[in-house]
Each structure stands twice: as C-alpha cells, then as structure tokens.
Amino acid sequence: MYLDPADPDAHAHGTICEVVDVLADDLDSHTDRPTDAYSYRLEELETGETLPLAFRHHDLVPAENIQ
C-alpha cells in the first residue's frame, strides 16, 4: 500500500498484502472515476492477518512496483 504520511491509516503504508475481498459502492458516481467504486479487504502476507480496514483502489500498488 502507498499512503500519504498525513493519512489516518499511514501506519499501513508499505504493508504487502493480498486482496481477500472486493467491495463495491457508488463512490464512482460522485467522482466520475470507475475505480473509485471499489475498495478491498486485505490480508497482510507476513502475518496472515486480515487488516481491519478496507482500502480504496488508489491506495494499492502492485508489489512488483515497490522499491
């Protein structure tokens, strides 16, 4: 995940996860960005724990893009 340091969930920045559930809502109808309709429940790969929050599409970065 890539989160801004000012984001309330910044503690999760850099966490490598796997998507375990895809949630949909109508946020895209307010923003005109199709990917805004989706948020994701994630499992941390290192611990196997499901994170307590769902994260939006724009917060996620493919693992191969992490430096």
PDB file of N, CA and C in Angstrom:
ATOM      1  N   MET A   1       0.835  -1.176   0.000  1.00  0.00           N
ATOM      2  CA  MET A   1       0.000   0.000   0.000  1.00  0.00           C
ATOM      3  C   MET A   1       0.878   1.236   0.000  1.00  0.00           C
ATOM      4  N   TYR A   2       0.346   2.267  -0.578  1.00  0.00           N
ATOM      5  CA  TYR A   2       1.040   3.545  -0.575  1.00  0.00           C
ATOM      6  C   TYR A   2       0.079   4.575   0.007  1.00  0.00           C
ATOM      7  N   LEU A   3       0.373   5.034   1.214  1.00  0.00           N
ATOM      8  CA  LEU A   3      -0.482   6.001   1.894  1.00  0.00           C
ATOM      9  C   LEU A   3       0.319   7.237   2.257  1.00  0.00           C
ATOM     10  N   ASP A   4      -0.309   8.375   2.124  1.00  0.00           N
ATOM     11  CA  ASP A   4       0.309   9.641   2.486  1.00  0.00           C
ATOM     12  C   ASP A   4       0.609   9.642   3.987  1.00  0.00           C
ATOM     13  N   PRO A   5       1.730  10.203   4.404  1.00  0.00           N
ATOM     14  CA  PRO A   5       2.051  10.263   5.833  1.00  0.00           C
ATOM     15  C   PRO A   5       0.974  10.954   6.670  1.00  0.00           C
ATOM     16  N   ALA A   6       0.187  11.843   6.070  1.00  0.00           N
ATOM     17  CA  ALA A   6      -0.879  12.527   6.803  1.00  0.00           C
ATOM     18  C   ALA A   6      -2.167  11.709   6.862  1.00  0.00           C
ATOM     19  N   ASP A   7      -2.231  10.607   6.142  1.00  0.00           N
ATOM     20  CA  ASP A   7      -3.423   9.754   6.138  1.00  0.00           C
ATOM     21  C   ASP A   7      -3.593   9.120   7.516  1.00  0.00           C
ATOM     22  N   PRO A   8      -4.809   9.077   8.045  1.00  0.00           N
ATOM     23  CA  PRO A   8      -5.022   8.471   9.367  1.00  0.00           C
ATOM     24  C   PRO A   8      -4.593   6.999   9.427  1.00  0.00           C
ATOM     25  N   ASP A   9      -4.520   6.343   8.282  1.00  0.00           N
ATOM     26  CA  ASP A   9      -4.126   4.936   8.228  1.00  0.00           C
ATOM     27  C   ASP A   9      -2.692   4.758   7.748  1.00  0.00           C
ATOM     28  N   ALA A  10      -1.869   5.798   7.891  1.00  0.00           N
ATOM     29  CA  ALA A  10      -0.492   5.778   7.397  1.00  0.00           C
ATOM     30  C   ALA A  10       0.337   4.654   8.014  1.00  0.00           C
ATOM     31  N   HIS A  11      -0.078   4.134   9.160  1.00  0.00           N
ATOM     32  CA  HIS A  11       0.659   3.026   9.779  1.00  0.00           C
ATOM     33  C   HIS A  11       0.717   1.802   8.860  1.00  0.00           C
ATOM     34  N   ALA A  12      -0.201   1.709   7.900  1.00  0.00           N
ATOM     35  CA  ALA A  12      -0.239   0.572   6.981  1.00  0.00           C
ATOM     36  C   ALA A  12       0.599   0.807   5.724  1.00  0.00           C
ATOM     37  N   HIS A  13       1.170   2.004   5.582  1.00  0.00           N
ATOM     38  CA  HIS A  13       1.988   2.323   4.408  1.00  0.00           C
ATOM     39  C   HIS A  13       3.108   1.295   4.257  1.00  0.00           C
ATOM     40  N   GLY A  14       3.273   0.783   3.045  1.00  0.00           N
ATOM     41  CA  GLY A  14       4.338  -0.162   2.757  1.00  0.00           C
ATOM     42  C   GLY A  14       4.009  -1.607   3.094  1.00  0.00           C
ATOM     43  N   THR A  15       2.845  -1.855   3.673  1.00  0.00           N
ATOM     44  CA  THR A  15       2.454  -3.211   4.003  1.00  0.00           C
ATOM     45  C   THR A  15       2.179  -3.986   2.720  1.00  0.00           C
ATOM     46  N   ILE A  16       2.724  -5.181   2.622  1.00  0.00           N
ATOM     47  CA  ILE A  16       2.495  -6.021   1.450  1.00  0.00           C
ATOM     48  C   ILE A  16       1.357  -6.972   1.781  1.00  0.00           C
ATOM     49  N   CYS A  17       0.320  -6.917   0.947  1.00  0.00           N
ATOM     50  CA  CYS A  17      -0.920  -7.649   1.230  1.00  0.00           C
ATOM     51  C   CYS A  17      -1.419  -8.384  -0.006  1.00  0.00           C
ATOM     52  N   GLU A  18      -2.381  -9.230   0.259  1.00  0.00           N
ATOM     53  CA  GLU A  18      -3.120  -9.914  -0.797  1.00  0.00           C
ATOM     54  C   GLU A  18      -4.586  -9.523  -0.650  1.00  0.00           C
ATOM     55  N   VAL A  19      -5.254  -9.314  -1.763  1.00  0.00           N
ATOM     56  CA  VAL A  19      -6.677  -8.977  -1.745  1.00  0.00           C
ATOM     57  C   VAL A  19      -7.470 -10.235  -1.390  1.00  0.00           C
ATOM     58  N   VAL A  20      -8.326 -10.123  -0.367  1.00  0.00           N
ATOM     59  CA  VAL A  20      -9.156 -11.258   0.025  1.00  0.00           C
ATOM     60  C   VAL A  20     -10.637 -11.022  -0.252  1.00  0.00           C
ATOM     61  N   ASP A  21     -11.018  -9.775  -0.510  1.00  0.00           N
ATOM     62  CA  ASP A  21     -12.415  -9.471  -0.809  1.00  0.00           C
ATOM     63  C   ASP A  21     -12.483  -8.133  -1.539  1.00  0.00           C
ATOM     64  N   VAL A  22     -13.369  -8.052  -2.506  1.00  0.00           N
ATOM     65  CA  VAL A  22     -13.591  -6.817  -3.250  1.00  0.00           C
ATOM     66  C   VAL A  22     -14.985  -6.308  -2.897  1.00  0.00           C
ATOM     67  N   LEU A  23     -15.056  -5.065  -2.481  1.00  0.00           N
ATOM     68  CA  LEU A  23     -16.322  -4.436  -2.109  1.00  0.00           C
ATOM     69  C   LEU A  23     -16.646  -3.366  -3.144  1.00  0.00           C
ATOM     70  N   ALA A  24     -17.922  -3.165  -3.406  1.00  0.00           N
ATOM     71  CA  ALA A  24     -18.329  -2.154  -4.387  1.00  0.00           C
ATOM     72  C   ALA A  24     -19.359  -1.218  -3.764  1.00  0.00           C
ATOM     73  N   ASP A  25     -19.291   0.044  -4.177  1.00  0.00           N
ATOM     74  CA  ASP A  25     -20.270   1.036  -3.756  1.00  0.00           C
ATOM     75  C   ASP A  25     -20.464   2.016  -4.906  1.00  0.00           C
ATOM     76  N   ASP A  26     -21.050   3.159  -4.636  1.00  0.00           N
ATOM     77  CA  ASP A  26     -21.343   4.109  -5.720  1.00  0.00           C
ATOM     78  C   ASP A  26     -20.468   5.366  -5.685  1.00  0.00           C
ATOM     79  N   LEU A  27     -19.310   5.304  -5.034  1.00  0.00           N
ATOM     80  CA  LEU A  27     -18.444   6.478  -4.979  1.00  0.00           C
ATOM     81  C   LEU A  27     -18.065   6.954  -6.380  1.00  0.00           C
ATOM     82  N   ASP A  28     -17.941   6.035  -7.327  1.00  0.00           N
ATOM     83  CA  ASP A  28     -17.581   6.412  -8.694  1.00  0.00           C
ATOM     84  C   ASP A  28     -18.599   7.350  -9.330  1.00  0.00           C
ATOM     85  N   SER A  29     -19.855   7.251  -8.933  1.00  0.00           N
ATOM     86  CA  SER A  29     -20.876   8.136  -9.497  1.00  0.00           C
ATOM     87  C   SER A  29     -20.692   9.579  -9.021  1.00  0.00           C
ATOM     88  N   HIS A  30     -19.965   9.755  -7.922  1.00  0.00           N
ATOM     89  CA  HIS A  30     -19.689  11.090  -7.393  1.00  0.00           C
ATOM     90  C   HIS A  30     -18.372  11.667  -7.912  1.00  0.00           C
ATOM     91  N   THR A  31     -17.444  10.780  -8.318  1.00  0.00           N
ATOM     92  CA  THR A  31     -16.117  11.234  -8.732  1.00  0.00           C
ATOM     93  C   THR A  31     -15.853  11.078 -10.225  1.00  0.00           C
ATOM     94  N   ASP A  32     -16.700  10.315 -10.923  1.00  0.00           N
ATOM     95  CA  ASP A  32     -16.511  10.010 -12.346  1.00  0.00           C
ATOM     96  C   ASP A  32     -15.235   9.213 -12.619  1.00  0.00           C
ATOM     97  N   ARG A  33     -14.706   8.519 -11.605  1.00  0.00           N
ATOM     98  CA  ARG A  33     -13.551   7.631 -11.785  1.00  0.00           C
ATOM     99  C   ARG A  33     -14.033   6.206 -11.512  1.00  0.00           C
ATOM    100  N   PRO A  34     -14.081   5.352 -12.525  1.00  0.00           N
ATOM    101  CA  PRO A  34     -14.634   3.999 -12.363  1.00  0.00           C
ATOM    102  C   PRO A  34     -14.001   3.195 -11.227  1.00  0.00           C
ATOM    103  N   THR A  35     -12.708   3.330 -10.994  1.00  0.00           N
ATOM    104  CA  THR A  35     -12.072   2.538  -9.939  1.00  0.00           C
ATOM    105  C   THR A  35     -12.456   2.999  -8.536  1.00  0.00           C
ATOM    106  N   ASP A  36     -13.059   4.174  -8.406  1.00  0.00           N
ATOM    107  CA  ASP A  36     -13.498   4.646  -7.089  1.00  0.00           C
ATOM    108  C   ASP A  36     -14.667   3.829  -6.540  1.00  0.00           C
ATOM    109  N   ALA A  37     -15.268   2.994  -7.362  1.00  0.00           N
ATOM    110  CA  ALA A  37     -16.382   2.158  -6.910  1.00  0.00           C
ATOM    111  C   ALA A  37     -15.904   0.983  -6.065  1.00  0.00           C
ATOM    112  N   TYR A  38     -14.600   0.759  -6.007  1.00  0.00           N
ATOM    113  CA  TYR A  38     -14.085  -0.447  -5.355  1.00  0.00           C
ATOM    114  C   TYR A  38     -13.204  -0.143  -4.155  1.00  0.00           C
ATOM    115  N   SER A  39     -13.375  -0.970  -3.151  1.00  0.00           N
ATOM    116  CA  SER A  39     -12.461  -0.989  -2.021  1.00  0.00           C
ATOM    117  C   SER A  39     -12.151  -2.460  -1.758  1.00  0.00           C
ATOM    118  N   TYR A  40     -11.094  -2.693  -1.021  1.00  0.00           N
ATOM    119  CA  TYR A  40     -10.559  -4.040  -0.903  1.00  0.00           C
ATOM    120  C   TYR A  40     -10.250  -4.397   0.543  1.00  0.00           C
ATOM    121  N   ARG A  41     -10.630  -5.602   0.935  1.00  0.00           N
ATOM    122  CA  ARG A  41     -10.213  -6.165   2.224  1.00  0.00           C
ATOM    123  C   ARG A  41      -8.910  -6.878   1.933  1.00  0.00           C
ATOM    124  N   LEU A  42      -7.925  -6.665   2.782  1.00  0.00           N
ATOM    125  CA  LEU A  42      -6.581  -7.153   2.530  1.00  0.00           C
ATOM    126  C   LEU A  42      -6.071  -8.024   3.668  1.00  0.00           C
ATOM    127  N   GLU A  43      -5.238  -8.989   3.295  1.00  0.00           N
ATOM    128  CA  GLU A  43      -4.563  -9.842   4.265  1.00  0.00           C
ATOM    129  C   GLU A  43      -3.068  -9.553   4.187  1.00  0.00           C
ATOM    130  N   GLU A  44      -2.488  -9.254   5.306  1.00  0.00           N
ATOM    131  CA  GLU A  44      -1.055  -8.978   5.352  1.00  0.00           C
ATOM    132  C   GLU A  44      -0.298 -10.283   5.111  1.00  0.00           C
ATOM    133  N   LEU A  45       0.596 -10.281   4.134  1.00  0.00           N
ATOM    134  CA  LEU A  45       1.298 -11.511   3.769  1.00  0.00           C
ATOM    135  C   LEU A  45       2.220 -12.007   4.876  1.00  0.00           C
ATOM    136  N   GLU A  46       2.864 -11.101   5.580  1.00  0.00           N
ATOM    137  CA  GLU A  46       3.815 -11.503   6.606  1.00  0.00           C
ATOM    138  C   GLU A  46       3.156 -12.186   7.797  1.00  0.00           C
ATOM    139  N   THR A  47       1.993 -11.693   8.218  1.00  0.00           N
ATOM    140  CA  THR A  47       1.341 -12.226   9.424  1.00  0.00           C
ATOM    141  C   THR A  47       0.126 -13.092   9.124  1.00  0.00           C
ATOM    142  N   GLY A  48      -0.432 -12.975   7.927  1.00  0.00           N
ATOM    143  CA  GLY A  48      -1.648 -13.718   7.591  1.00  0.00           C
ATOM    144  C   GLY A  48      -2.902 -13.092   8.177  1.00  0.00           C
ATOM    145  N   GLU A  49      -2.772 -11.937   8.797  1.00  0.00           N
ATOM    146  CA  GLU A  49      -3.918 -11.269   9.421  1.00  0.00           C
ATOM    147  C   GLU A  49      -4.653 -10.395   8.410  1.00  0.00           C
ATOM    148  N   THR A  50      -5.987 -10.424   8.482  1.00  0.00           N
ATOM    149  CA  THR A  50      -6.799  -9.539   7.658  1.00  0.00           C
ATOM    150  C   THR A  50      -6.792  -8.167   8.318  1.00  0.00           C
ATOM    151  N   LEU A  51      -6.488  -7.145   7.535  1.00  0.00           N
ATOM    152  CA  LEU A  51      -6.462  -5.789   8.076  1.00  0.00           C
ATOM    153  C   LEU A  51      -7.873  -5.354   8.444  1.00  0.00           C
ATOM    154  N   PRO A  52      -8.022  -4.571   9.502  1.00  0.00           N
ATOM    155  CA  PRO A  52      -9.349  -4.193   9.983  1.00  0.00           C
ATOM    156  C   PRO A  52     -10.073  -3.165   9.115  1.00  0.00           C
ATOM    157  N   LEU A  53      -9.391  -2.625   8.125  1.00  0.00           N
ATOM    158  CA  LEU A  53      -9.984  -1.600   7.268  1.00  0.00           C
ATOM    159  C   LEU A  53     -10.022  -2.076   5.830  1.00  0.00           C
ATOM    160  N   ALA A  54     -10.931  -1.519   5.055  1.00  0.00           N
ATOM    161  CA  ALA A  54     -10.930  -1.726   3.609  1.00  0.00           C
ATOM    162  C   ALA A  54     -10.219  -0.524   2.999  1.00  0.00           C
ATOM    163  N   PHE A  55      -9.444  -0.773   1.957  1.00  0.00           N
ATOM    164  CA  PHE A  55      -8.675   0.287   1.318  1.00  0.00           C
ATOM    165  C   PHE A  55      -9.168   0.498  -0.101  1.00  0.00           C
ATOM    166  N   ARG A  56      -9.135   1.725  -0.563  1.00  0.00           N
ATOM    167  CA  ARG A  56      -9.567   2.087  -1.908  1.00  0.00           C
ATOM    168  C   ARG A  56      -8.517   1.705  -2.940  1.00  0.00           C
ATOM    169  N   HIS A  57      -8.981   1.583  -4.165  1.00  0.00           N
ATOM    170  CA  HIS A  57      -8.125   1.184  -5.282  1.00  0.00           C
ATOM    171  C   HIS A  57      -6.882   2.069  -5.385  1.00  0.00           C
ATOM    172  N   HIS A  58      -7.038   3.372  -5.214  1.00  0.00           N
ATOM    173  CA  HIS A  58      -5.912   4.291  -5.381  1.00  0.00           C
ATOM    174  C   HIS A  58      -4.851   4.154  -4.283  1.00  0.00           C
ATOM    175  N   ASP A  59      -5.150   3.420  -3.206  1.00  0.00           N
ATOM    176  CA  ASP A  59      -4.165   3.202  -2.135  1.00  0.00           C
ATOM    177  C   ASP A  59      -3.238   2.021  -2.428  1.00  0.00           C
ATOM    178  N   LEU A  60      -3.593   1.216  -3.414  1.00  0.00           N
ATOM    179  CA  LEU A  60      -2.864  -0.021  -3.664  1.00  0.00           C
ATOM    180  C   LEU A  60      -1.860   0.134  -4.798  1.00  0.00           C
ATOM    181  N   VAL A  61      -0.736  -0.521  -4.642  1.00  0.00           N
ATOM    182  CA  VAL A  61       0.327  -0.508  -5.640  1.00  0.00           C
ATOM    183  C   VAL A  61       0.738  -1.968  -5.846  1.00  0.00           C
ATOM    184  N   PRO A  62       0.834  -2.426  -7.103  1.00  0.00           N
ATOM    185  CA  PRO A  62       1.286  -3.811  -7.313  1.00  0.00           C
ATOM    186  C   PRO A  62       2.639  -4.049  -6.655  1.00  0.00           C
ATOM    187  N   ALA A  63       2.833  -5.201  -6.036  1.00  0.00           N
ATOM    188  CA  ALA A  63       4.060  -5.496  -5.289  1.00  0.00           C
ATOM    189  C   ALA A  63       5.296  -5.370  -6.159  1.00  0.00           C
ATOM    190  N   GLU A  64       5.220  -5.690  -7.448  1.00  0.00           N
ATOM    191  CA  GLU A  64       6.409  -5.589  -8.291  1.00  0.00           C
ATOM    192  C   GLU A  64       6.831  -4.138  -8.516  1.00  0.00           C
ATOM    193  N   ASN A  65       5.975  -3.169  -8.156  1.00  0.00           N
ATOM    194  CA  ASN A  65       6.312  -1.750  -8.295  1.00  0.00           C
ATOM    195  C   ASN A  65       6.898  -1.152  -7.022  1.00  0.00           C
ATOM    196  N   ILE A  66       7.019  -1.938  -5.976  1.00  0.00           N
ATOM    197  CA  ILE A  66       7.540  -1.442  -4.703  1.00  0.00           C
ATOM    198  C   ILE A  66       9.066  -1.455  -4.754  1.00  0.00           C
ATOM    199  N   GLN A  67       9.647  -0.362  -4.297  1.00  0.00           N
ATOM    200  CA  GLN A  67      11.108  -0.274  -4.282  1.00  0.00           C
ATOM    201  C   GLN A  67      11.622  -0.204  -2.882  1.00  0.00           C
TER     202      GLN A  67
END
